[in-house]
Amino acid sequence: MSAPRFAPVPPVETVRSYESPDFSPAGWSPGRPGEIEGRQPTGERLGYQGPDQGYIITLAKRAESRIRVAAGEHKEDALRGCSLIALRRASLFGRAPMVHDLNLALAMWGFLSDSPPSDLVSVRKELFHGVGNAVHHYKEGRDIADMIPESTLRMSPEDVISQFATQWPVLTGFAQ
């Protein structure tokens, strides 16, 4: 690096270069009060954390035309309840939600079937009622996601589709 003209440098002086300091300070760490150390906490109404969970909104919009609801049911309620189940399934595998997660959730509740069992329809009408309104029915949505057995979430969507007509109480956790 050149020196300005007004800063005289003796011609016999050695050329200066970079030298590291004698003392090196310790590394920086954030130390934020909200930072979680260790594993994510678990418990009632804490949900199931995973990467890129917002993608479920796109998947739900794409699935809206495939959903079959009975009289007195709303697609918004079905989509939100099943989206929460899909997010739980995706977090079990440590990944972002996929269309297969949502298909499994919709299939176990009969939302992809033209003629689901009548007892299943009566249960889901009561269970999913109002869940589409996340502000006022957060707890109900969490309850839907929490009630599904882990064994069901680990099944393939094809297995759930083939079994839901006769085994829906076991798949959804009602038979326990």
N, C-alpha and C. Protein backbone atom coordinates (compact mmCIF):
# COMPACT_ATOMS: atom_id res chain seq x y z
N MET A 1 0.85 -1.16 0.00
CA MET A 1 0.00 0.00 0.00
C MET A 1 0.90 1.23 0.00
N SER A 2 0.58 2.16 -0.81
CA SER A 2 1.43 3.35 -0.90
C SER A 2 1.10 4.32 0.22
N ALA A 3 2.08 5.13 0.57
CA ALA A 3 1.92 6.15 1.62
C ALA A 3 1.66 7.49 0.95
N PRO A 4 0.92 8.35 1.61
CA PRO A 4 0.70 9.68 1.03
C PRO A 4 2.02 10.45 0.93
N ARG A 5 2.06 11.39 0.01
CA ARG A 5 3.30 12.16 -0.26
C ARG A 5 3.76 12.95 0.96
N PHE A 6 2.83 13.38 1.79
CA PHE A 6 3.19 14.22 2.94
C PHE A 6 3.69 13.40 4.14
N ALA A 7 3.68 12.06 4.05
CA ALA A 7 4.17 11.23 5.14
C ALA A 7 5.53 10.69 4.73
N PRO A 8 6.58 11.37 5.15
CA PRO A 8 7.92 10.94 4.73
C PRO A 8 8.31 9.59 5.34
N VAL A 9 8.86 8.73 4.50
CA VAL A 9 9.31 7.41 4.92
C VAL A 9 10.80 7.32 4.56
N PRO A 10 11.62 6.99 5.53
CA PRO A 10 13.04 6.87 5.21
C PRO A 10 13.27 5.74 4.19
N PRO A 11 14.12 5.94 3.23
CA PRO A 11 14.33 4.94 2.17
C PRO A 11 14.99 3.66 2.68
N VAL A 12 15.64 3.67 3.83
CA VAL A 12 16.31 2.48 4.33
C VAL A 12 15.41 1.61 5.21
N GLU A 13 14.21 2.08 5.52
CA GLU A 13 13.27 1.33 6.35
C GLU A 13 12.74 0.13 5.58
N THR A 14 12.49 -1.02 6.28
CA THR A 14 11.97 -2.21 5.60
C THR A 14 10.50 -2.02 5.24
N VAL A 15 10.11 -2.73 4.22
CA VAL A 15 8.73 -2.63 3.75
C VAL A 15 7.82 -3.31 4.76
N ARG A 16 6.73 -2.60 5.09
CA ARG A 16 5.79 -3.15 6.06
C ARG A 16 4.84 -4.13 5.39
N SER A 17 4.46 -5.19 6.12
CA SER A 17 3.46 -6.15 5.63
C SER A 17 2.54 -6.51 6.80
N TYR A 18 1.54 -7.32 6.54
CA TYR A 18 0.57 -7.66 7.58
C TYR A 18 1.19 -8.58 8.62
N GLU A 19 0.92 -8.29 9.87
CA GLU A 19 1.31 -9.14 10.98
C GLU A 19 0.08 -9.36 11.83
N SER A 20 -0.15 -10.60 12.26
CA SER A 20 -1.30 -10.86 13.11
C SER A 20 -1.01 -10.35 14.51
N PRO A 21 -2.04 -9.93 15.24
CA PRO A 21 -1.82 -9.39 16.58
C PRO A 21 -1.38 -10.48 17.55
N ASP A 22 -0.78 -10.08 18.65
CA ASP A 22 -0.33 -11.02 19.67
C ASP A 22 -1.51 -11.70 20.37
N PHE A 23 -2.66 -10.99 20.48
CA PHE A 23 -3.82 -11.50 21.18
C PHE A 23 -4.99 -11.64 20.19
N SER A 24 -5.64 -12.77 20.24
CA SER A 24 -6.81 -12.99 19.39
C SER A 24 -8.03 -13.18 20.30
N PRO A 25 -9.05 -12.34 20.16
CA PRO A 25 -10.21 -12.45 21.05
C PRO A 25 -10.99 -13.74 20.79
N ALA A 26 -11.79 -14.16 21.77
CA ALA A 26 -12.60 -15.38 21.64
C ALA A 26 -13.65 -15.18 20.55
N GLY A 27 -14.12 -16.29 19.99
CA GLY A 27 -15.12 -16.22 18.94
C GLY A 27 -16.45 -15.70 19.45
N TRP A 28 -17.23 -15.14 18.55
CA TRP A 28 -18.52 -14.57 18.90
C TRP A 28 -19.59 -15.64 18.89
N SER A 29 -20.50 -15.57 19.82
CA SER A 29 -21.68 -16.43 19.79
C SER A 29 -22.89 -15.54 20.09
N PRO A 30 -24.05 -15.88 19.50
CA PRO A 30 -25.19 -14.97 19.59
C PRO A 30 -25.71 -14.75 21.00
N GLY A 31 -25.89 -15.81 21.79
CA GLY A 31 -26.36 -15.64 23.16
C GLY A 31 -27.72 -14.98 23.26
N ARG A 32 -28.62 -15.29 22.36
CA ARG A 32 -29.95 -14.68 22.39
C ARG A 32 -30.83 -15.42 23.40
N PRO A 33 -31.69 -14.71 24.10
CA PRO A 33 -32.52 -15.37 25.11
C PRO A 33 -33.54 -16.34 24.50
N GLY A 34 -33.96 -16.13 23.28
CA GLY A 34 -34.96 -17.01 22.65
C GLY A 34 -34.36 -18.20 21.93
N GLU A 35 -33.06 -18.32 21.93
CA GLU A 35 -32.41 -19.40 21.20
C GLU A 35 -32.57 -20.71 21.96
N ILE A 36 -32.95 -21.76 21.24
CA ILE A 36 -33.18 -23.06 21.85
C ILE A 36 -31.89 -23.86 21.83
N GLU A 37 -31.52 -24.36 22.99
CA GLU A 37 -30.33 -25.20 23.10
C GLU A 37 -30.78 -26.65 23.16
N GLY A 38 -30.20 -27.51 22.39
CA GLY A 38 -30.58 -28.91 22.39
C GLY A 38 -31.75 -29.17 21.44
N ARG A 39 -32.60 -30.12 21.80
CA ARG A 39 -33.72 -30.51 20.94
C ARG A 39 -34.90 -29.56 21.09
N GLN A 40 -35.75 -29.57 20.09
CA GLN A 40 -36.96 -28.76 20.12
C GLN A 40 -37.87 -29.27 21.23
N PRO A 41 -38.50 -28.39 22.01
CA PRO A 41 -39.38 -28.85 23.08
C PRO A 41 -40.63 -29.52 22.52
N THR A 42 -41.16 -30.47 23.26
CA THR A 42 -42.38 -31.15 22.86
C THR A 42 -43.41 -31.01 23.97
N GLY A 43 -44.64 -31.14 23.61
CA GLY A 43 -45.71 -31.06 24.59
C GLY A 43 -47.00 -30.63 23.94
N GLU A 44 -48.02 -30.48 24.77
CA GLU A 44 -49.34 -30.12 24.28
C GLU A 44 -49.31 -28.76 23.59
N ARG A 45 -49.88 -28.71 22.42
CA ARG A 45 -50.05 -27.50 21.60
C ARG A 45 -48.75 -26.87 21.12
N LEU A 46 -47.64 -27.58 21.16
CA LEU A 46 -46.38 -27.03 20.64
C LEU A 46 -46.15 -27.39 19.18
N GLY A 47 -46.94 -28.32 18.66
CA GLY A 47 -46.81 -28.68 17.26
C GLY A 47 -45.63 -29.59 17.01
N TYR A 48 -45.36 -29.76 15.72
CA TYR A 48 -44.27 -30.65 15.28
C TYR A 48 -43.43 -29.86 14.29
N GLN A 49 -42.20 -29.54 14.69
CA GLN A 49 -41.35 -28.66 13.90
C GLN A 49 -40.65 -29.42 12.79
N GLY A 50 -40.47 -28.75 11.68
CA GLY A 50 -39.77 -29.32 10.55
C GLY A 50 -39.40 -28.21 9.57
N PRO A 51 -38.58 -28.52 8.59
CA PRO A 51 -38.16 -27.50 7.63
C PRO A 51 -39.26 -27.17 6.62
N ASP A 52 -39.30 -25.93 6.19
CA ASP A 52 -40.16 -25.44 5.10
C ASP A 52 -41.62 -25.86 5.25
N GLN A 53 -42.18 -25.67 6.43
CA GLN A 53 -43.55 -26.09 6.67
C GLN A 53 -44.57 -25.23 5.94
N GLY A 54 -44.19 -24.05 5.52
CA GLY A 54 -45.11 -23.19 4.77
C GLY A 54 -45.52 -23.77 3.43
N TYR A 55 -44.77 -24.73 2.93
CA TYR A 55 -45.10 -25.35 1.64
C TYR A 55 -46.43 -26.09 1.69
N ILE A 56 -46.90 -26.42 2.88
CA ILE A 56 -48.18 -27.12 3.01
C ILE A 56 -49.32 -26.25 2.49
N ILE A 57 -49.18 -24.94 2.53
CA ILE A 57 -50.21 -24.04 2.01
C ILE A 57 -50.37 -24.24 0.51
N THR A 58 -49.26 -24.34 -0.20
CA THR A 58 -49.30 -24.59 -1.65
C THR A 58 -49.91 -25.95 -1.94
N LEU A 59 -49.51 -26.96 -1.17
CA LEU A 59 -50.05 -28.30 -1.38
C LEU A 59 -51.55 -28.34 -1.12
N ALA A 60 -52.00 -27.63 -0.10
CA ALA A 60 -53.43 -27.61 0.23
C ALA A 60 -54.24 -26.92 -0.86
N LYS A 61 -53.71 -25.85 -1.42
CA LYS A 61 -54.42 -25.16 -2.52
C LYS A 61 -54.54 -26.07 -3.74
N ARG A 62 -53.50 -26.84 -4.00
CA ARG A 62 -53.53 -27.76 -5.14
C ARG A 62 -54.51 -28.91 -4.91
N ALA A 63 -54.69 -29.32 -3.66
CA ALA A 63 -55.56 -30.46 -3.34
C ALA A 63 -57.02 -30.06 -3.20
N GLU A 64 -57.31 -28.79 -3.14
CA GLU A 64 -58.67 -28.32 -2.87
C GLU A 64 -59.71 -28.89 -3.83
N SER A 65 -59.37 -29.02 -5.09
CA SER A 65 -60.35 -29.51 -6.08
C SER A 65 -60.62 -31.01 -5.94
N ARG A 66 -59.76 -31.74 -5.25
CA ARG A 66 -59.93 -33.19 -5.10
C ARG A 66 -60.73 -33.58 -3.86
N ILE A 67 -60.96 -32.64 -2.97
CA ILE A 67 -61.61 -32.96 -1.70
C ILE A 67 -63.11 -33.12 -1.88
N ARG A 68 -63.63 -34.17 -1.24
CA ARG A 68 -65.07 -34.44 -1.23
C ARG A 68 -65.57 -34.25 0.19
N VAL A 69 -66.49 -33.32 0.39
CA VAL A 69 -67.06 -33.09 1.71
C VAL A 69 -68.56 -33.35 1.66
N ALA A 70 -69.10 -33.77 2.79
CA ALA A 70 -70.54 -34.03 2.90
C ALA A 70 -71.26 -32.73 3.23
N ALA A 71 -72.57 -32.77 3.21
CA ALA A 71 -73.37 -31.61 3.58
C ALA A 71 -73.05 -31.23 5.02
N GLY A 72 -72.83 -29.95 5.25
CA GLY A 72 -72.50 -29.46 6.59
C GLY A 72 -71.01 -29.41 6.88
N GLU A 73 -70.19 -29.87 5.95
CA GLU A 73 -68.73 -29.80 6.12
C GLU A 73 -68.17 -28.71 5.20
N HIS A 74 -67.00 -28.24 5.55
CA HIS A 74 -66.34 -27.19 4.75
C HIS A 74 -64.95 -27.65 4.34
N LYS A 75 -64.59 -27.32 3.11
CA LYS A 75 -63.26 -27.70 2.60
C LYS A 75 -62.14 -27.06 3.41
N GLU A 76 -62.35 -25.83 3.88
CA GLU A 76 -61.31 -25.14 4.65
C GLU A 76 -60.99 -25.90 5.93
N ASP A 77 -62.05 -26.42 6.58
CA ASP A 77 -61.83 -27.19 7.81
C ASP A 77 -61.06 -28.47 7.52
N ALA A 78 -61.47 -29.16 6.46
CA ALA A 78 -60.80 -30.42 6.09
C ALA A 78 -59.34 -30.16 5.72
N LEU A 79 -59.09 -29.11 4.95
CA LEU A 79 -57.72 -28.83 4.53
C LEU A 79 -56.82 -28.47 5.70
N ARG A 80 -57.31 -27.65 6.62
CA ARG A 80 -56.46 -27.25 7.75
C ARG A 80 -56.19 -28.43 8.67
N GLY A 81 -57.21 -29.19 9.01
CA GLY A 81 -57.01 -30.34 9.89
C GLY A 81 -56.05 -31.36 9.28
N CYS A 82 -56.23 -31.65 8.00
CA CYS A 82 -55.36 -32.62 7.34
C CYS A 82 -53.97 -32.06 7.09
N SER A 83 -53.86 -30.75 6.91
CA SER A 83 -52.54 -30.13 6.75
C SER A 83 -51.72 -30.28 8.03
N LEU A 84 -52.36 -30.15 9.17
CA LEU A 84 -51.65 -30.32 10.44
C LEU A 84 -51.17 -31.76 10.61
N ILE A 85 -51.99 -32.71 10.17
CA ILE A 85 -51.57 -34.12 10.21
C ILE A 85 -50.38 -34.33 9.27
N ALA A 86 -50.47 -33.74 8.07
CA ALA A 86 -49.38 -33.87 7.10
C ALA A 86 -48.08 -33.27 7.63
N LEU A 87 -48.17 -32.14 8.32
CA LEU A 87 -46.97 -31.52 8.90
C LEU A 87 -46.37 -32.42 9.99
N ARG A 88 -47.23 -33.05 10.75
CA ARG A 88 -46.72 -33.97 11.78
C ARG A 88 -45.99 -35.14 11.13
N ARG A 89 -46.58 -35.68 10.07
CA ARG A 89 -45.96 -36.82 9.38
C ARG A 89 -44.61 -36.40 8.78
N ALA A 90 -44.56 -35.26 8.14
CA ALA A 90 -43.31 -34.79 7.54
C ALA A 90 -42.23 -34.59 8.60
N SER A 91 -42.62 -34.07 9.77
CA SER A 91 -41.62 -33.84 10.82
C SER A 91 -41.09 -35.15 11.40
N LEU A 92 -41.90 -36.22 11.35
CA LEU A 92 -41.41 -37.52 11.80
C LEU A 92 -40.21 -37.98 10.98
N PHE A 93 -40.24 -37.64 9.70
CA PHE A 93 -39.16 -38.04 8.79
C PHE A 93 -38.10 -36.94 8.64
N GLY A 94 -38.26 -35.82 9.35
CA GLY A 94 -37.28 -34.74 9.34
C GLY A 94 -37.16 -34.02 8.02
N ARG A 95 -38.27 -33.83 7.35
CA ARG A 95 -38.24 -33.17 6.04
C ARG A 95 -39.42 -32.24 5.89
N ALA A 96 -39.43 -31.52 4.78
CA ALA A 96 -40.54 -30.63 4.45
C ALA A 96 -41.75 -31.46 4.02
N PRO A 97 -42.96 -30.90 4.12
CA PRO A 97 -44.14 -31.66 3.70
C PRO A 97 -44.14 -31.95 2.21
N MET A 98 -44.71 -33.11 1.87
CA MET A 98 -44.85 -33.52 0.46
C MET A 98 -46.31 -33.82 0.20
N VAL A 99 -46.66 -33.94 -1.06
CA VAL A 99 -48.04 -34.22 -1.43
C VAL A 99 -48.50 -35.55 -0.84
N HIS A 100 -47.60 -36.50 -0.65
CA HIS A 100 -47.96 -37.80 -0.08
C HIS A 100 -48.41 -37.67 1.38
N ASP A 101 -47.83 -36.74 2.11
CA ASP A 101 -48.23 -36.51 3.49
C ASP A 101 -49.68 -36.03 3.55
N LEU A 102 -50.00 -35.08 2.69
CA LEU A 102 -51.36 -34.55 2.65
C LEU A 102 -52.34 -35.59 2.13
N ASN A 103 -51.93 -36.37 1.13
CA ASN A 103 -52.81 -37.42 0.60
C ASN A 103 -53.14 -38.46 1.67
N LEU A 104 -52.15 -38.83 2.47
CA LEU A 104 -52.39 -39.78 3.55
C LEU A 104 -53.41 -39.24 4.53
N ALA A 105 -53.26 -37.98 4.93
CA ALA A 105 -54.18 -37.38 5.89
C ALA A 105 -55.59 -37.28 5.32
N LEU A 106 -55.70 -36.84 4.07
CA LEU A 106 -57.02 -36.73 3.44
C LEU A 106 -57.67 -38.09 3.26
N ALA A 107 -56.86 -39.10 2.95
CA ALA A 107 -57.39 -40.45 2.72
C ALA A 107 -57.88 -41.08 4.02
N MET A 108 -57.16 -40.90 5.12
CA MET A 108 -57.56 -41.56 6.36
C MET A 108 -58.89 -41.02 6.89
N TRP A 109 -59.22 -39.79 6.54
CA TRP A 109 -60.49 -39.21 6.95
C TRP A 109 -61.55 -39.32 5.87
N GLY A 110 -61.24 -39.95 4.74
CA GLY A 110 -62.22 -40.17 3.70
C GLY A 110 -62.54 -38.96 2.84
N PHE A 111 -61.70 -37.95 2.87
CA PHE A 111 -61.95 -36.74 2.08
C PHE A 111 -61.61 -36.93 0.60
N LEU A 112 -60.99 -38.05 0.24
CA LEU A 112 -60.71 -38.33 -1.17
C LEU A 112 -61.68 -39.35 -1.75
N SER A 113 -62.61 -39.81 -0.93
CA SER A 113 -63.55 -40.85 -1.35
C SER A 113 -64.92 -40.24 -1.68
N ASP A 114 -65.55 -40.80 -2.70
CA ASP A 114 -66.89 -40.33 -3.05
C ASP A 114 -67.94 -40.83 -2.06
N SER A 115 -67.71 -41.98 -1.45
CA SER A 115 -68.69 -42.53 -0.50
C SER A 115 -67.99 -43.10 0.74
N PRO A 116 -67.57 -42.21 1.64
CA PRO A 116 -66.95 -42.69 2.88
C PRO A 116 -68.02 -43.28 3.80
N PRO A 117 -67.63 -44.13 4.76
CA PRO A 117 -68.60 -44.69 5.71
C PRO A 117 -69.35 -43.58 6.45
N SER A 118 -70.64 -43.79 6.69
CA SER A 118 -71.47 -42.75 7.31
C SER A 118 -71.03 -42.44 8.74
N ASP A 119 -70.57 -43.45 9.48
CA ASP A 119 -70.11 -43.19 10.84
C ASP A 119 -68.83 -42.35 10.85
N LEU A 120 -67.97 -42.53 9.83
CA LEU A 120 -66.78 -41.69 9.70
C LEU A 120 -67.17 -40.25 9.41
N VAL A 121 -68.16 -40.07 8.54
CA VAL A 121 -68.60 -38.71 8.19
C VAL A 121 -69.15 -38.00 9.43
N SER A 122 -69.93 -38.68 10.24
CA SER A 122 -70.49 -38.04 11.43
C SER A 122 -69.40 -37.67 12.43
N VAL A 123 -68.38 -38.51 12.56
CA VAL A 123 -67.27 -38.20 13.47
C VAL A 123 -66.47 -37.02 12.95
N ARG A 124 -66.14 -37.01 11.68
CA ARG A 124 -65.30 -35.93 11.15
C ARG A 124 -66.07 -34.60 11.09
N LYS A 125 -67.40 -34.65 10.92
CA LYS A 125 -68.19 -33.40 10.96
C LYS A 125 -68.01 -32.72 12.30
N GLU A 126 -68.10 -33.48 13.36
CA GLU A 126 -67.98 -32.91 14.69
C GLU A 126 -66.53 -32.51 14.99
N LEU A 127 -65.60 -33.35 14.62
CA LEU A 127 -64.19 -33.13 14.94
C LEU A 127 -63.59 -31.96 14.17
N PHE A 128 -63.92 -31.84 12.88
CA PHE A 128 -63.31 -30.82 12.03
C PHE A 128 -64.09 -29.50 12.01
N HIS A 129 -65.23 -29.44 12.68
CA HIS A 129 -66.07 -28.25 12.62
C HIS A 129 -65.32 -27.00 13.10
N GLY A 130 -65.16 -26.02 12.23
CA GLY A 130 -64.54 -24.75 12.56
C GLY A 130 -63.03 -24.74 12.57
N VAL A 131 -62.38 -25.87 12.33
CA VAL A 131 -60.92 -25.94 12.41
C VAL A 131 -60.25 -25.04 11.36
N GLY A 132 -60.95 -24.75 10.28
CA GLY A 132 -60.39 -23.88 9.24
C GLY A 132 -60.07 -22.49 9.75
N ASN A 133 -60.71 -22.06 10.83
CA ASN A 133 -60.44 -20.77 11.44
C ASN A 133 -59.35 -20.98 12.49
N ALA A 134 -58.11 -20.80 12.07
CA ALA A 134 -56.95 -21.12 12.92
C ALA A 134 -56.88 -20.25 14.17
N VAL A 135 -57.39 -19.04 14.10
CA VAL A 135 -57.29 -18.14 15.24
C VAL A 135 -58.16 -18.62 16.40
N HIS A 136 -59.38 -19.02 16.09
CA HIS A 136 -60.32 -19.39 17.15
C HIS A 136 -60.32 -20.88 17.48
N HIS A 137 -59.76 -21.71 16.60
CA HIS A 137 -59.81 -23.16 16.81
C HIS A 137 -58.43 -23.80 16.72
N TYR A 138 -57.43 -23.13 17.28
CA TYR A 138 -56.07 -23.66 17.25
C TYR A 138 -55.99 -24.98 18.01
N LYS A 139 -56.56 -25.02 19.20
CA LYS A 139 -56.49 -26.21 20.05
C LYS A 139 -57.14 -27.40 19.36
N GLU A 140 -58.28 -27.20 18.72
CA GLU A 140 -58.97 -28.29 18.05
C GLU A 140 -58.14 -28.85 16.91
N GLY A 141 -57.47 -27.96 16.17
CA GLY A 141 -56.58 -28.41 15.10
C GLY A 141 -55.41 -29.22 15.62
N ARG A 142 -54.82 -28.76 16.72
CA ARG A 142 -53.71 -29.50 17.34
C ARG A 142 -54.19 -30.86 17.83
N ASP A 143 -55.41 -30.91 18.39
CA ASP A 143 -55.96 -32.17 18.88
C ASP A 143 -56.11 -33.19 17.75
N ILE A 144 -56.53 -32.72 16.58
CA ILE A 144 -56.67 -33.63 15.43
C ILE A 144 -55.31 -34.22 15.06
N ALA A 145 -54.29 -33.38 14.99
CA ALA A 145 -52.95 -33.86 14.63
C ALA A 145 -52.38 -34.78 15.70
N ASP A 146 -52.65 -34.49 16.97
CA ASP A 146 -52.09 -35.28 18.06
C ASP A 146 -52.75 -36.65 18.22
N MET A 147 -54.00 -36.80 17.79
CA MET A 147 -54.71 -38.04 18.03
C MET A 147 -54.30 -39.17 17.08
N ILE A 148 -53.69 -38.86 15.96
CA ILE A 148 -53.34 -39.88 14.98
C ILE A 148 -52.15 -40.70 15.49
N PRO A 149 -52.28 -42.03 15.50
CA PRO A 149 -51.16 -42.87 15.96
C PRO A 149 -49.95 -42.76 15.03
N GLU A 150 -48.79 -42.83 15.62
CA GLU A 150 -47.56 -42.75 14.82
C GLU A 150 -47.47 -43.89 13.82
N SER A 151 -48.01 -45.05 14.17
CA SER A 151 -47.99 -46.18 13.24
C SER A 151 -48.75 -45.87 11.95
N THR A 152 -49.82 -45.12 12.05
CA THR A 152 -50.57 -44.70 10.86
C THR A 152 -49.76 -43.73 10.03
N LEU A 153 -49.09 -42.80 10.69
CA LEU A 153 -48.30 -41.80 9.97
C LEU A 153 -47.12 -42.42 9.24
N ARG A 154 -46.66 -43.55 9.69
CA ARG A 154 -45.54 -44.23 9.04
C ARG A 154 -45.98 -45.13 7.88
N MET A 155 -47.29 -45.27 7.69
CA MET A 155 -47.80 -46.10 6.59
C MET A 155 -47.68 -45.34 5.26
N SER A 156 -47.80 -46.08 4.16
CA SER A 156 -47.82 -45.43 2.85
C SER A 156 -49.23 -44.93 2.57
N PRO A 157 -49.39 -43.88 1.78
CA PRO A 157 -50.73 -43.40 1.44
C PRO A 157 -51.59 -44.48 0.78
N GLU A 158 -50.98 -45.35 -0.02
CA GLU A 158 -51.72 -46.42 -0.69
C GLU A 158 -52.32 -47.40 0.32
N ASP A 159 -51.56 -47.72 1.36
CA ASP A 159 -52.06 -48.62 2.40
C ASP A 159 -53.23 -47.99 3.15
N VAL A 160 -53.12 -46.71 3.43
CA VAL A 160 -54.20 -46.01 4.13
C VAL A 160 -55.45 -45.97 3.26
N ILE A 161 -55.29 -45.68 1.98
CA ILE A 161 -56.44 -45.63 1.06
C ILE A 161 -57.13 -46.99 1.00
N SER A 162 -56.35 -48.06 0.96
CA SER A 162 -56.95 -49.39 0.86
C SER A 162 -57.63 -49.83 2.16
N GLN A 163 -57.22 -49.28 3.30
CA GLN A 163 -57.75 -49.73 4.59
C GLN A 163 -58.77 -48.80 5.23
N PHE A 164 -58.90 -47.56 4.76
CA PHE A 164 -59.69 -46.60 5.52
C PHE A 164 -61.16 -46.95 5.63
N ALA A 165 -61.74 -47.60 4.64
CA ALA A 165 -63.18 -47.89 4.66
C ALA A 165 -63.56 -48.79 5.84
N THR A 166 -62.72 -49.76 6.19
CA THR A 166 -63.06 -50.68 7.28
C THR A 166 -62.24 -50.41 8.54
N GLN A 167 -61.06 -49.82 8.40
CA GLN A 167 -60.15 -49.64 9.53
C GLN A 167 -60.01 -48.20 9.99
N TRP A 168 -60.90 -47.31 9.58
CA TRP A 168 -60.70 -45.89 9.92
C TRP A 168 -60.60 -45.64 11.42
N PRO A 169 -61.33 -46.37 12.31
CA PRO A 169 -61.15 -46.09 13.74
C PRO A 169 -59.73 -46.37 14.23
N VAL A 170 -59.10 -47.40 13.68
CA VAL A 170 -57.73 -47.74 14.07
C VAL A 170 -56.77 -46.72 13.48
N LEU A 171 -56.98 -46.37 12.21
CA LEU A 171 -56.08 -45.43 11.54
C LEU A 171 -56.09 -44.05 12.19
N THR A 172 -57.26 -43.60 12.62
CA THR A 172 -57.39 -42.26 13.17
C THR A 172 -57.20 -42.17 14.67
N GLY A 173 -57.13 -43.32 15.35
CA GLY A 173 -56.92 -43.31 16.78
C GLY A 173 -58.20 -43.39 17.60
N PHE A 174 -59.35 -43.58 16.98
CA PHE A 174 -60.60 -43.69 17.71
C PHE A 174 -60.76 -45.05 18.41
N ALA A 175 -60.09 -46.07 17.93
CA ALA A 175 -60.25 -47.42 18.47
C ALA A 175 -59.40 -47.66 19.70
N GLN A 176 -58.58 -46.74 20.10
CA GLN A 176 -57.68 -46.97 21.23
C GLN A 176 -58.38 -46.82 22.55
